[in-house]
Amino acid sequence: MSYVDGFILPIPKKNVEAYRKIAKKAGKIWMEHGALAYAECLGDDVKPGKLTSFPQAVKLKADEVVCFSWIVYKSRKDRDRINKLVMNDPRLTSMVNAMPFDGKRMVMGGFKPIVEL
């Protein structure tokens, strides 16, 4: 079984292209260090819920869009090793201060798949 890091975050609509460029560069760095897959997706059919939802989780504002992202690894051990390499990669550290979204509202976590087809 693999291991997956998942993220949801709010991106100001005016910053989507800037985010896409940064995400593309970041994805290449993760893949170079051994990630199996990297995806960044913009909300297309994401409605507020009655109790909870993607928009509510990130306190989405009217001028923002939800981004749902994930990175797939061979294992949790590989994920920990790869993330250490990525976080110390100067190409990524130079991008951190230029993130075009509010990182305080990003939700993230590591997940152990229970079904893989």
C-alpha atoms as a PDB file:
ATOM      1  CA  MET A   1       0.000   0.000   0.000  1.00  0.00           C
ATOM      2  CA  SER A   2       1.121   3.554  -0.703  1.00  0.00           C
ATOM      3  CA  TYR A   3       0.909   6.647   1.499  1.00  0.00           C
ATOM      4  CA  VAL A   4      -0.825   9.933   0.608  1.00  0.00           C
ATOM      5  CA  ASP A   5      -0.448  13.508   1.823  1.00  0.00           C
ATOM      6  CA  GLY A   6      -3.626  15.502   1.224  1.00  0.00           C
ATOM      7  CA  PHE A   7      -4.175  19.262   1.280  1.00  0.00           C
ATOM      8  CA  ILE A   8      -6.996  21.733   0.838  1.00  0.00           C
ATOM      9  CA  LEU A   9      -6.364  25.455   0.684  1.00  0.00           C
ATOM     10  CA  PRO A  10      -8.005  28.692  -0.391  1.00  0.00           C
ATOM     11  CA  ILE A  11      -6.491  30.537  -3.339  1.00  0.00           C
ATOM     12  CA  PRO A  12      -7.546  34.068  -4.279  1.00  0.00           C
ATOM     13  CA  LYS A  13      -8.969  33.836  -7.800  1.00  0.00           C
ATOM     14  CA  LYS A  14      -6.595  36.590  -8.930  1.00  0.00           C
ATOM     15  CA  ASN A  15      -3.636  34.416  -7.787  1.00  0.00           C
ATOM     16  CA  VAL A  16      -4.587  31.130  -9.461  1.00  0.00           C
ATOM     17  CA  GLU A  17      -2.062  31.464 -12.286  1.00  0.00           C
ATOM     18  CA  ALA A  18       0.740  32.421  -9.878  1.00  0.00           C
ATOM     19  CA  TYR A  19      -0.171  29.428  -7.704  1.00  0.00           C
ATOM     20  CA  ARG A  20      -0.247  27.102 -10.721  1.00  0.00           C
ATOM     21  CA  LYS A  21       3.300  28.145 -11.669  1.00  0.00           C
ATOM     22  CA  ILE A  22       4.607  27.618  -8.139  1.00  0.00           C
ATOM     23  CA  ALA A  23       2.749  24.300  -7.780  1.00  0.00           C
ATOM     24  CA  LYS A  24       4.186  23.028 -11.055  1.00  0.00           C
ATOM     25  CA  LYS A  25       7.718  23.804  -9.861  1.00  0.00           C
ATOM     26  CA  ALA A  26       7.040  22.305  -6.419  1.00  0.00           C
ATOM     27  CA  GLY A  27       5.569  19.168  -7.974  1.00  0.00           C
ATOM     28  CA  LYS A  28       8.691  18.644 -10.049  1.00  0.00           C
ATOM     29  CA  ILE A  29      10.800  18.915  -6.894  1.00  0.00           C
ATOM     30  CA  TRP A  30       8.655  16.319  -5.068  1.00  0.00           C
ATOM     31  CA  MET A  31       8.817  13.983  -8.071  1.00  0.00           C
ATOM     32  CA  GLU A  32      12.606  14.388  -8.388  1.00  0.00           C
ATOM     33  CA  HIS A  33      12.962  13.366  -4.751  1.00  0.00           C
ATOM     34  CA  GLY A  34      10.835  10.241  -5.215  1.00  0.00           C
ATOM     35  CA  ALA A  35       7.107  11.014  -4.974  1.00  0.00           C
ATOM     36  CA  LEU A  36       5.030   8.711  -7.168  1.00  0.00           C
ATOM     37  CA  ALA A  37       2.319  11.251  -8.082  1.00  0.00           C
ATOM     38  CA  TYR A  38       1.541  14.912  -7.470  1.00  0.00           C
ATOM     39  CA  ALA A  39      -1.769  16.650  -8.225  1.00  0.00           C
ATOM     40  CA  GLU A  40      -3.246  20.131  -7.734  1.00  0.00           C
ATOM     41  CA  CYS A  41      -6.955  20.580  -8.496  1.00  0.00           C
ATOM     42  CA  LEU A  42      -9.217  23.646  -8.389  1.00  0.00           C
ATOM     43  CA  GLY A  43     -12.734  23.347  -7.036  1.00  0.00           C
ATOM     44  CA  ASP A  44     -15.301  23.073  -9.811  1.00  0.00           C
ATOM     45  CA  ASP A  45     -18.346  21.606  -8.067  1.00  0.00           C
ATOM     46  CA  VAL A  46     -17.663  22.485  -4.428  1.00  0.00           C
ATOM     47  CA  LYS A  47     -20.619  23.833  -2.487  1.00  0.00           C
ATOM     48  CA  PRO A  48     -20.847  24.933   1.148  1.00  0.00           C
ATOM     49  CA  GLY A  49     -22.434  22.292   3.338  1.00  0.00           C
ATOM     50  CA  LYS A  50     -24.846  22.541   6.244  1.00  0.00           C
ATOM     51  CA  LEU A  51     -22.332  21.296   8.817  1.00  0.00           C
ATOM     52  CA  THR A  52     -19.014  21.084   6.999  1.00  0.00           C
ATOM     53  CA  SER A  53     -17.502  21.214   3.514  1.00  0.00           C
ATOM     54  CA  PHE A  54     -14.316  22.081   1.671  1.00  0.00           C
ATOM     55  CA  PRO A  55     -15.245  25.804   1.562  1.00  0.00           C
ATOM     56  CA  GLN A  56     -16.059  25.842   5.270  1.00  0.00           C
ATOM     57  CA  ALA A  57     -12.877  23.960   6.185  1.00  0.00           C
ATOM     58  CA  VAL A  58     -10.697  26.718   4.714  1.00  0.00           C
ATOM     59  CA  LYS A  59     -13.051  29.613   5.571  1.00  0.00           C
ATOM     60  CA  LEU A  60     -13.385  30.339   1.854  1.00  0.00           C
ATOM     61  CA  LYS A  61     -14.033  33.973   0.903  1.00  0.00           C
ATOM     62  CA  ALA A  62     -16.128  35.093  -2.092  1.00  0.00           C
ATOM     63  CA  ASP A  63     -13.041  35.978  -4.151  1.00  0.00           C
ATOM     64  CA  GLU A  64     -11.300  32.624  -3.553  1.00  0.00           C
ATOM     65  CA  VAL A  65     -11.403  29.087  -4.946  1.00  0.00           C
ATOM     66  CA  VAL A  66     -10.684  25.834  -3.087  1.00  0.00           C
ATOM     67  CA  CYS A  67      -7.631  23.852  -4.151  1.00  0.00           C
ATOM     68  CA  PHE A  68      -7.469  20.113  -3.390  1.00  0.00           C
ATOM     69  CA  SER A  69      -4.025  18.560  -3.703  1.00  0.00           C
ATOM     70  CA  TRP A  70      -2.319  15.290  -2.994  1.00  0.00           C
ATOM     71  CA  ILE A  71       1.069  13.640  -3.189  1.00  0.00           C
ATOM     72  CA  VAL A  72       1.467   9.860  -3.387  1.00  0.00           C
ATOM     73  CA  TYR A  73       4.440   8.000  -1.948  1.00  0.00           C
ATOM     74  CA  LYS A  74       5.531   4.358  -1.842  1.00  0.00           C
ATOM     75  CA  SER A  75       5.204   4.282   1.967  1.00  0.00           C
ATOM     76  CA  ARG A  76       5.085   6.486   5.072  1.00  0.00           C
ATOM     77  CA  LYS A  77       8.816   5.880   5.481  1.00  0.00           C
ATOM     78  CA  ASP A  78       9.429   7.122   1.921  1.00  0.00           C
ATOM     79  CA  ARG A  79       7.130  10.103   2.544  1.00  0.00           C
ATOM     80  CA  ASP A  80       9.092  11.125   5.634  1.00  0.00           C
ATOM     81  CA  ARG A  81      12.415  10.767   3.790  1.00  0.00           C
ATOM     82  CA  ILE A  82      11.187  12.614   0.682  1.00  0.00           C
ATOM     83  CA  ASN A  83       9.581  15.451   2.634  1.00  0.00           C
ATOM     84  CA  LYS A  84      12.816  15.995   4.559  1.00  0.00           C
ATOM     85  CA  LEU A  85      14.694  16.286   1.260  1.00  0.00           C
ATOM     86  CA  VAL A  86      12.048  18.572  -0.254  1.00  0.00           C
ATOM     87  CA  MET A  87      11.894  20.871   2.779  1.00  0.00           C
ATOM     88  CA  ASN A  88      15.679  21.293   2.610  1.00  0.00           C
ATOM     89  CA  ASP A  89      15.759  21.818  -1.159  1.00  0.00           C
ATOM     90  CA  PRO A  90      16.752  25.455  -1.804  1.00  0.00           C
ATOM     91  CA  ARG A  91      14.423  25.608  -4.806  1.00  0.00           C
ATOM     92  CA  LEU A  92      11.425  25.029  -2.529  1.00  0.00           C
ATOM     93  CA  THR A  93      12.616  27.158   0.383  1.00  0.00           C
ATOM     94  CA  SER A  94      12.966  30.113  -1.998  1.00  0.00           C
ATOM     95  CA  MET A  95       9.277  29.705  -2.984  1.00  0.00           C
ATOM     96  CA  VAL A  96       7.856  29.511   0.549  1.00  0.00           C
ATOM     97  CA  ASN A  97       7.734  33.277   1.109  1.00  0.00           C
ATOM     98  CA  ALA A  98       6.091  33.829  -2.283  1.00  0.00           C
ATOM     99  CA  MET A  99       3.037  31.626  -1.710  1.00  0.00           C
ATOM    100  CA  PRO A 100      -0.025  33.399  -3.165  1.00  0.00           C
ATOM    101  CA  PHE A 101      -2.503  32.120  -0.536  1.00  0.00           C
ATOM    102  CA  ASP A 102      -3.148  32.249   3.212  1.00  0.00           C
ATOM    103  CA  GLY A 103      -1.196  29.280   4.565  1.00  0.00           C
ATOM    104  CA  LYS A 104      -2.890  29.585   7.964  1.00  0.00           C
ATOM    105  CA  ARG A 105      -6.115  28.322   6.370  1.00  0.00           C
ATOM    106  CA  MET A 106      -4.536  25.323   4.642  1.00  0.00           C
ATOM    107  CA  VAL A 107      -5.640  21.901   5.922  1.00  0.00           C
ATOM    108  CA  MET A 108      -3.222  19.000   5.509  1.00  0.00           C
ATOM    109  CA  GLY A 109      -2.563  15.495   6.686  1.00  0.00           C
ATOM    110  CA  GLY A 110      -1.032  12.127   5.905  1.00  0.00           C
ATOM    111  CA  PHE A 111      -3.281   9.222   4.988  1.00  0.00           C
ATOM    112  CA  LYS A 112      -2.826   5.457   4.877  1.00  0.00           C
ATOM    113  CA  PRO A 113      -4.987   4.047   2.062  1.00  0.00           C
ATOM    114  CA  ILE A 114      -7.419   1.288   2.989  1.00  0.00           C
ATOM    115  CA  VAL A 115      -8.508   0.565  -0.618  1.00  0.00           C
ATOM    116  CA  GLU A 116      -6.373   0.905  -3.741  1.00  0.00           C
ATOM    117  CA  LEU A 117      -7.577  -0.311  -7.117  1.00  0.00           C
END
